[in-house]
PDB file of N, CA and C in Angstrom:
ATOM      1  N   PRO A   1      14.908  -6.798   7.615  1.00  0.00           N
ATOM      2  CA  PRO A   1      14.158  -6.496   6.633  1.00  0.00           C
ATOM      3  C   PRO A   1      12.778  -5.640   7.129  1.00  0.00           C
ATOM      4  N   ASP A   2      12.364  -5.838   8.349  1.00  0.00           N
ATOM      5  CA  ASP A   2      10.921  -5.380   8.594  1.00  0.00           C
ATOM      6  C   ASP A   2      11.151  -3.788   8.944  1.00  0.00           C
ATOM      7  N   ALA A   3      12.313  -3.357   9.063  1.00  0.00           N
ATOM      8  CA  ALA A   3      12.816  -2.006   9.546  1.00  0.00           C
ATOM      9  C   ALA A   3      12.503  -1.009   8.149  1.00  0.00           C
ATOM     10  N   MET A   4      12.660  -1.699   7.080  1.00  0.00           N
ATOM     11  CA  MET A   4      12.615  -0.867   5.711  1.00  0.00           C
ATOM     12  C   MET A   4      11.223  -0.983   5.234  1.00  0.00           C
ATOM     13  N   LEU A   5      10.258  -1.772   5.863  1.00  0.00           N
ATOM     14  CA  LEU A   5       8.983  -2.001   5.471  1.00  0.00           C
ATOM     15  C   LEU A   5       8.112  -1.056   6.270  1.00  0.00           C
ATOM     16  N   PRO A   6       7.233  -0.116   5.464  1.00  0.00           N
ATOM     17  CA  PRO A   6       6.303   0.692   6.286  1.00  0.00           C
ATOM     18  C   PRO A   6       5.281   0.069   6.890  1.00  0.00           C
ATOM     19  N   VAL A   7       5.599  -0.281   8.148  1.00  0.00           N
ATOM     20  CA  VAL A   7       4.541  -1.270   8.823  1.00  0.00           C
ATOM     21  C   VAL A   7       4.114  -0.515   9.826  1.00  0.00           C
ATOM     22  N   ARG A   8       2.736  -0.514  10.175  1.00  0.00           N
ATOM     23  CA  ARG A   8       2.345   0.175  11.433  1.00  0.00           C
ATOM     24  C   ARG A   8       2.532  -0.709  12.599  1.00  0.00           C
ATOM     25  N   PRO A   9       2.682  -0.012  13.852  1.00  0.00           N
ATOM     26  CA  PRO A   9       3.053  -0.881  15.244  1.00  0.00           C
ATOM     27  C   PRO A   9       1.988  -2.012  15.315  1.00  0.00           C
ATOM     28  N   SER A  10       0.687  -1.594  14.943  1.00  0.00           N
ATOM     29  CA  SER A  10      -0.411  -2.663  15.194  1.00  0.00           C
ATOM     30  C   SER A  10      -0.229  -3.799  14.149  1.00  0.00           C
ATOM     31  N   ASP A  11       0.292  -3.471  13.013  1.00  0.00           N
ATOM     32  CA  ASP A  11       0.510  -4.564  12.024  1.00  0.00           C
ATOM     33  C   ASP A  11       1.686  -5.213  11.944  1.00  0.00           C
ATOM     34  N   GLY A  12       2.573  -4.815  13.037  1.00  0.00           N
ATOM     35  CA  GLY A  12       3.894  -5.578  13.007  1.00  0.00           C
ATOM     36  C   GLY A  12       3.685  -7.064  13.153  1.00  0.00           C
ATOM     37  N   ASP A  13       2.688  -7.623  13.875  1.00  0.00           N
ATOM     38  CA  ASP A  13       2.499  -9.016  13.942  1.00  0.00           C
ATOM     39  C   ASP A  13       2.181  -9.673  12.797  1.00  0.00           C
ATOM     40  N   LEU A  14       1.171  -8.948  11.931  1.00  0.00           N
ATOM     41  CA  LEU A  14       0.706  -9.512  10.715  1.00  0.00           C
ATOM     42  C   LEU A  14       1.845  -9.861   9.907  1.00  0.00           C
ATOM     43  N   ILE A  15       2.848  -9.114   9.701  1.00  0.00           N
ATOM     44  CA  ILE A  15       4.029  -9.256   8.842  1.00  0.00           C
ATOM     45  C   ILE A  15       4.610 -10.495   8.925  1.00  0.00           C
ATOM     46  N   SER A  16       4.465 -11.211  10.133  1.00  0.00           N
ATOM     47  CA  SER A  16       5.119 -12.512  10.397  1.00  0.00           C
ATOM     48  C   SER A  16       4.528 -13.604   9.506  1.00  0.00           C
ATOM     49  N   GLY A  17       3.065 -13.586   9.473  1.00  0.00           N
ATOM     50  CA  GLY A  17       2.587 -14.873   8.792  1.00  0.00           C
ATOM     51  C   GLY A  17       1.211 -14.312   8.054  1.00  0.00           C
ATOM     52  N   SER A  18       1.099 -13.013   7.920  1.00  0.00           N
ATOM     53  CA  SER A  18       0.000 -12.730   7.025  1.00  0.00           C
ATOM     54  C   SER A  18       0.366 -11.629   5.919  1.00  0.00           C
ATOM     55  N   SER A  19       0.368 -11.748   4.860  1.00  0.00           N
ATOM     56  CA  SER A  19       0.705 -10.837   3.821  1.00  0.00           C
ATOM     57  C   SER A  19      -0.540 -10.031   3.261  1.00  0.00           C
ATOM     58  N   ASP A  20      -1.714 -10.644   3.668  1.00  0.00           N
ATOM     59  CA  ASP A  20      -2.933  -9.995   3.233  1.00  0.00           C
ATOM     60  C   ASP A  20      -2.976  -8.541   3.517  1.00  0.00           C
ATOM     61  N   TYR A  21      -2.605  -8.183   4.773  1.00  0.00           N
ATOM     62  CA  TYR A  21      -2.511  -6.773   5.085  1.00  0.00           C
ATOM     63  C   TYR A  21      -1.737  -5.959   4.200  1.00  0.00           C
ATOM     64  N   MET A  22      -0.894  -6.417   3.697  1.00  0.00           N
ATOM     65  CA  MET A  22       0.064  -5.554   2.621  1.00  0.00           C
ATOM     66  C   MET A  22      -0.646  -4.836   1.653  1.00  0.00           C
ATOM     67  N   PRO A  23      -1.456  -5.689   0.700  1.00  0.00           N
ATOM     68  CA  PRO A  23      -2.284  -5.023  -0.130  1.00  0.00           C
ATOM     69  C   PRO A  23      -3.151  -3.865   0.152  1.00  0.00           C
ATOM     70  N   GLU A  24      -3.747  -4.071   1.471  1.00  0.00           N
ATOM     71  CA  GLU A  24      -4.690  -3.082   1.972  1.00  0.00           C
ATOM     72  C   GLU A  24      -4.049  -1.914   2.383  1.00  0.00           C
ATOM     73  N   TYR A  25      -2.724  -2.152   3.121  1.00  0.00           N
ATOM     74  CA  TYR A  25      -2.078  -1.017   3.617  1.00  0.00           C
ATOM     75  C   TYR A  25      -1.498  -0.235   2.625  1.00  0.00           C
ATOM     76  N   TYR A  26      -0.861  -0.948   1.615  1.00  0.00           N
ATOM     77  CA  TYR A  26      -0.068  -0.249   0.303  1.00  0.00           C
ATOM     78  C   TYR A  26      -1.237   0.434  -0.374  1.00  0.00           C
ATOM     79  N   ASP A  27      -2.566  -0.040  -0.458  1.00  0.00           N
ATOM     80  CA  ASP A  27      -3.674   0.616  -1.204  1.00  0.00           C
ATOM     81  C   ASP A  27      -3.583   2.276  -0.966  1.00  0.00           C
ATOM     82  N   GLU A  28      -3.167   2.377   0.327  1.00  0.00           N
ATOM     83  CA  GLU A  28      -3.327   3.804   0.958  1.00  0.00           C
ATOM     84  C   GLU A  28      -2.025   4.509   0.571  1.00  0.00           C
ATOM     85  N   PHE A  29      -0.698   3.774   0.573  1.00  0.00           N
ATOM     86  CA  PHE A  29       0.468   4.318   0.242  1.00  0.00           C
ATOM     87  C   PHE A  29       1.099   3.365  -0.982  1.00  0.00           C
ATOM     88  N   PRO A  30       0.359   3.464  -2.210  1.00  0.00           N
ATOM     89  CA  PRO A  30       1.151   2.744  -3.370  1.00  0.00           C
ATOM     90  C   PRO A  30       2.467   3.291  -3.692  1.00  0.00           C
ATOM     91  N   GLU A  31       2.789   4.408  -3.370  1.00  0.00           N
ATOM     92  CA  GLU A  31       4.267   4.843  -3.597  1.00  0.00           C
ATOM     93  C   GLU A  31       5.169   4.091  -2.784  1.00  0.00           C
ATOM     94  N   GLU A  32       4.674   3.508  -1.638  1.00  0.00           N
ATOM     95  CA  GLU A  32       5.762   2.835  -0.647  1.00  0.00           C
ATOM     96  C   GLU A  32       5.478   1.327  -0.932  1.00  0.00           C
ATOM     97  N   SER A  33       4.697   0.961  -1.994  1.00  0.00           N
ATOM     98  CA  SER A  33       4.673  -0.562  -1.996  1.00  0.00           C
ATOM     99  C   SER A  33       5.292  -1.080  -3.116  1.00  0.00           C
ATOM    100  N   PRO A  34       6.510  -1.908  -2.965  1.00  0.00           N
ATOM    101  CA  PRO A  34       7.227  -2.335  -3.986  1.00  0.00           C
ATOM    102  C   PRO A  34       6.535  -3.490  -4.713  1.00  0.00           C
ATOM    103  N   CYS A  35       5.493  -4.083  -4.013  1.00  0.00           N
ATOM    104  CA  CYS A  35       4.924  -5.221  -4.616  1.00  0.00           C
ATOM    105  C   CYS A  35       3.943  -4.716  -5.652  1.00  0.00           C
ATOM    106  N   ILE A  36       3.271  -3.522  -5.452  1.00  0.00           N
ATOM    107  CA  ILE A  36       2.644  -2.954  -6.434  1.00  0.00           C
ATOM    108  C   ILE A  36       3.095  -2.109  -7.709  1.00  0.00           C
ATOM    109  N   ILE A  37       4.226  -1.488  -7.199  1.00  0.00           N
ATOM    110  CA  ILE A  37       4.760  -0.661  -8.189  1.00  0.00           C
ATOM    111  C   ILE A  37       5.563  -1.432  -9.160  1.00  0.00           C
ATOM    112  N   VAL A  38       6.253  -2.496  -8.732  1.00  0.00           N
ATOM    113  CA  VAL A  38       7.231  -3.269  -9.528  1.00  0.00           C
ATOM    114  C   VAL A  38       6.214  -3.924 -10.741  1.00  0.00           C
ATOM    115  N   PRO A  39       5.180  -4.829 -10.379  1.00  0.00           N
ATOM    116  CA  PRO A  39       4.528  -5.690 -11.373  1.00  0.00           C
ATOM    117  C   PRO A  39       3.607  -4.666 -12.225  1.00  0.00           C
ATOM    118  N   THR A  40       3.013  -3.673 -11.550  1.00  0.00           N
ATOM    119  CA  THR A  40       2.260  -2.782 -12.342  1.00  0.00           C
ATOM    120  C   THR A  40       2.378  -1.294 -12.263  1.00  0.00           C
ATOM    121  N   PRO A  41       3.501  -0.708 -12.665  1.00  0.00           N
ATOM    122  CA  PRO A  41       3.850   0.591 -12.446  1.00  0.00           C
ATOM    123  C   PRO A  41       2.799   1.588 -13.100  1.00  0.00           C
ATOM    124  N   VAL A  42       2.006   1.168 -13.915  1.00  0.00           N
ATOM    125  CA  VAL A  42       0.922   1.938 -14.726  1.00  0.00           C
ATOM    126  C   VAL A  42      -0.074   2.283 -13.716  1.00  0.00           C
ATOM    127  N   GLU A  43      -0.410   1.465 -12.753  1.00  0.00           N
ATOM    128  CA  GLU A  43      -1.627   1.600 -11.964  1.00  0.00           C
ATOM    129  C   GLU A  43      -1.250   2.502 -10.780  1.00  0.00           C
ATOM    130  N   GLU A  44      -0.032   2.815 -10.647  1.00  0.00           N
ATOM    131  CA  GLU A  44       0.275   3.776  -9.496  1.00  0.00           C
ATOM    132  C   GLU A  44      -0.416   5.037  -9.730  1.00  0.00           C
ATOM    133  N   PRO A  45      -0.281   5.816 -10.877  1.00  0.00           N
ATOM    134  CA  PRO A  45      -1.045   7.035 -11.108  1.00  0.00           C
ATOM    135  C   PRO A  45      -2.504   7.024 -11.078  1.00  0.00           C
ATOM    136  N   GLU A  46      -2.934   5.706 -11.746  1.00  0.00           N
ATOM    137  CA  GLU A  46      -4.456   5.587 -11.796  1.00  0.00           C
ATOM    138  C   GLU A  46      -5.035   5.508 -10.256  1.00  0.00           C
ATOM    139  N   VAL A  47      -4.397   4.768  -9.601  1.00  0.00           N
ATOM    140  CA  VAL A  47      -4.798   4.602  -8.156  1.00  0.00           C
ATOM    141  C   VAL A  47      -4.831   5.946  -7.458  1.00  0.00           C
ATOM    142  N   ASN A  48      -3.892   6.804  -7.486  1.00  0.00           N
ATOM    143  CA  ASN A  48      -3.815   8.072  -6.879  1.00  0.00           C
ATOM    144  C   ASN A  48      -4.726   9.043  -7.365  1.00  0.00           C
ATOM    145  N   GLU A  49      -5.030   8.915  -8.691  1.00  0.00           N
ATOM    146  CA  GLU A  49      -6.173   9.900  -9.235  1.00  0.00           C
ATOM    147  C   GLU A  49      -7.663   9.365  -8.774  1.00  0.00           C
ATOM    148  N   GLU A  50      -7.698   7.980  -8.733  1.00  0.00           N
ATOM    149  CA  GLU A  50      -9.052   7.549  -8.110  1.00  0.00           C
ATOM    150  C   GLU A  50      -9.235   8.003  -6.669  1.00  0.00           C
ATOM    151  N   MET A  51      -8.113   7.635  -5.754  1.00  0.00           N
ATOM    152  CA  MET A  51      -8.314   8.012  -4.493  1.00  0.00           C
ATOM    153  C   MET A  51      -8.642   9.440  -4.257  1.00  0.00           C
ATOM    154  N   GLU A  52      -7.749  10.353  -5.009  1.00  0.00           N
ATOM    155  CA  GLU A  52      -8.063  11.723  -4.909  1.00  0.00           C
ATOM    156  C   GLU A  52      -9.471  12.125  -5.336  1.00  0.00           C
ATOM    157  N   GLU A  53     -10.319  11.427  -6.409  1.00  0.00           N
ATOM    158  CA  GLU A  53     -11.317  11.822  -6.692  1.00  0.00           C
ATOM    159  C   GLU A  53     -12.441  11.458  -5.695  1.00  0.00           C
ATOM    160  N   VAL A  54     -12.220  10.294  -5.106  1.00  0.00           N
ATOM    161  CA  VAL A  54     -13.013   9.772  -4.009  1.00  0.00           C
ATOM    162  C   VAL A  54     -12.993  10.688  -2.779  1.00  0.00           C
ATOM    163  N   VAL A  55     -11.909  11.066  -2.427  1.00  0.00           N
ATOM    164  CA  VAL A  55     -11.660  12.088  -1.378  1.00  0.00           C
ATOM    165  C   VAL A  55     -12.267  13.461  -1.376  1.00  0.00           C
ATOM    166  N   ASN A  56     -12.157  13.704  -2.848  1.00  0.00           N
ATOM    167  CA  ASN A  56     -12.682  14.946  -3.181  1.00  0.00           C
ATOM    168  C   ASN A  56     -14.321  14.914  -3.125  1.00  0.00           C
ATOM    169  N   SER A  57     -14.813  13.889  -3.635  1.00  0.00           N
ATOM    170  CA  SER A  57     -16.336  13.680  -3.579  1.00  0.00           C
ATOM    171  C   SER A  57     -16.916  13.692  -2.214  1.00  0.00           C
ATOM    172  N   SER A  58     -16.086  12.929  -1.205  1.00  0.00           N
ATOM    173  CA  SER A  58     -16.462  12.891   0.040  1.00  0.00           C
ATOM    174  C   SER A  58     -16.396  14.318   0.648  1.00  0.00           C
TER     175      SER A  58
END
């Protein structure tokens, strides 16, 4: 199962006993997050728009 998860090499250890990193990591890649897209598919476009605005503002 870990092979199909978009986990960074450094975050590989966290997947074993810490799922707190997943929301943060998926916050950058909501399209790859099954946890976020499944329960709240409406937030997917909203998050993308907000992130784009923040990046443009910076």
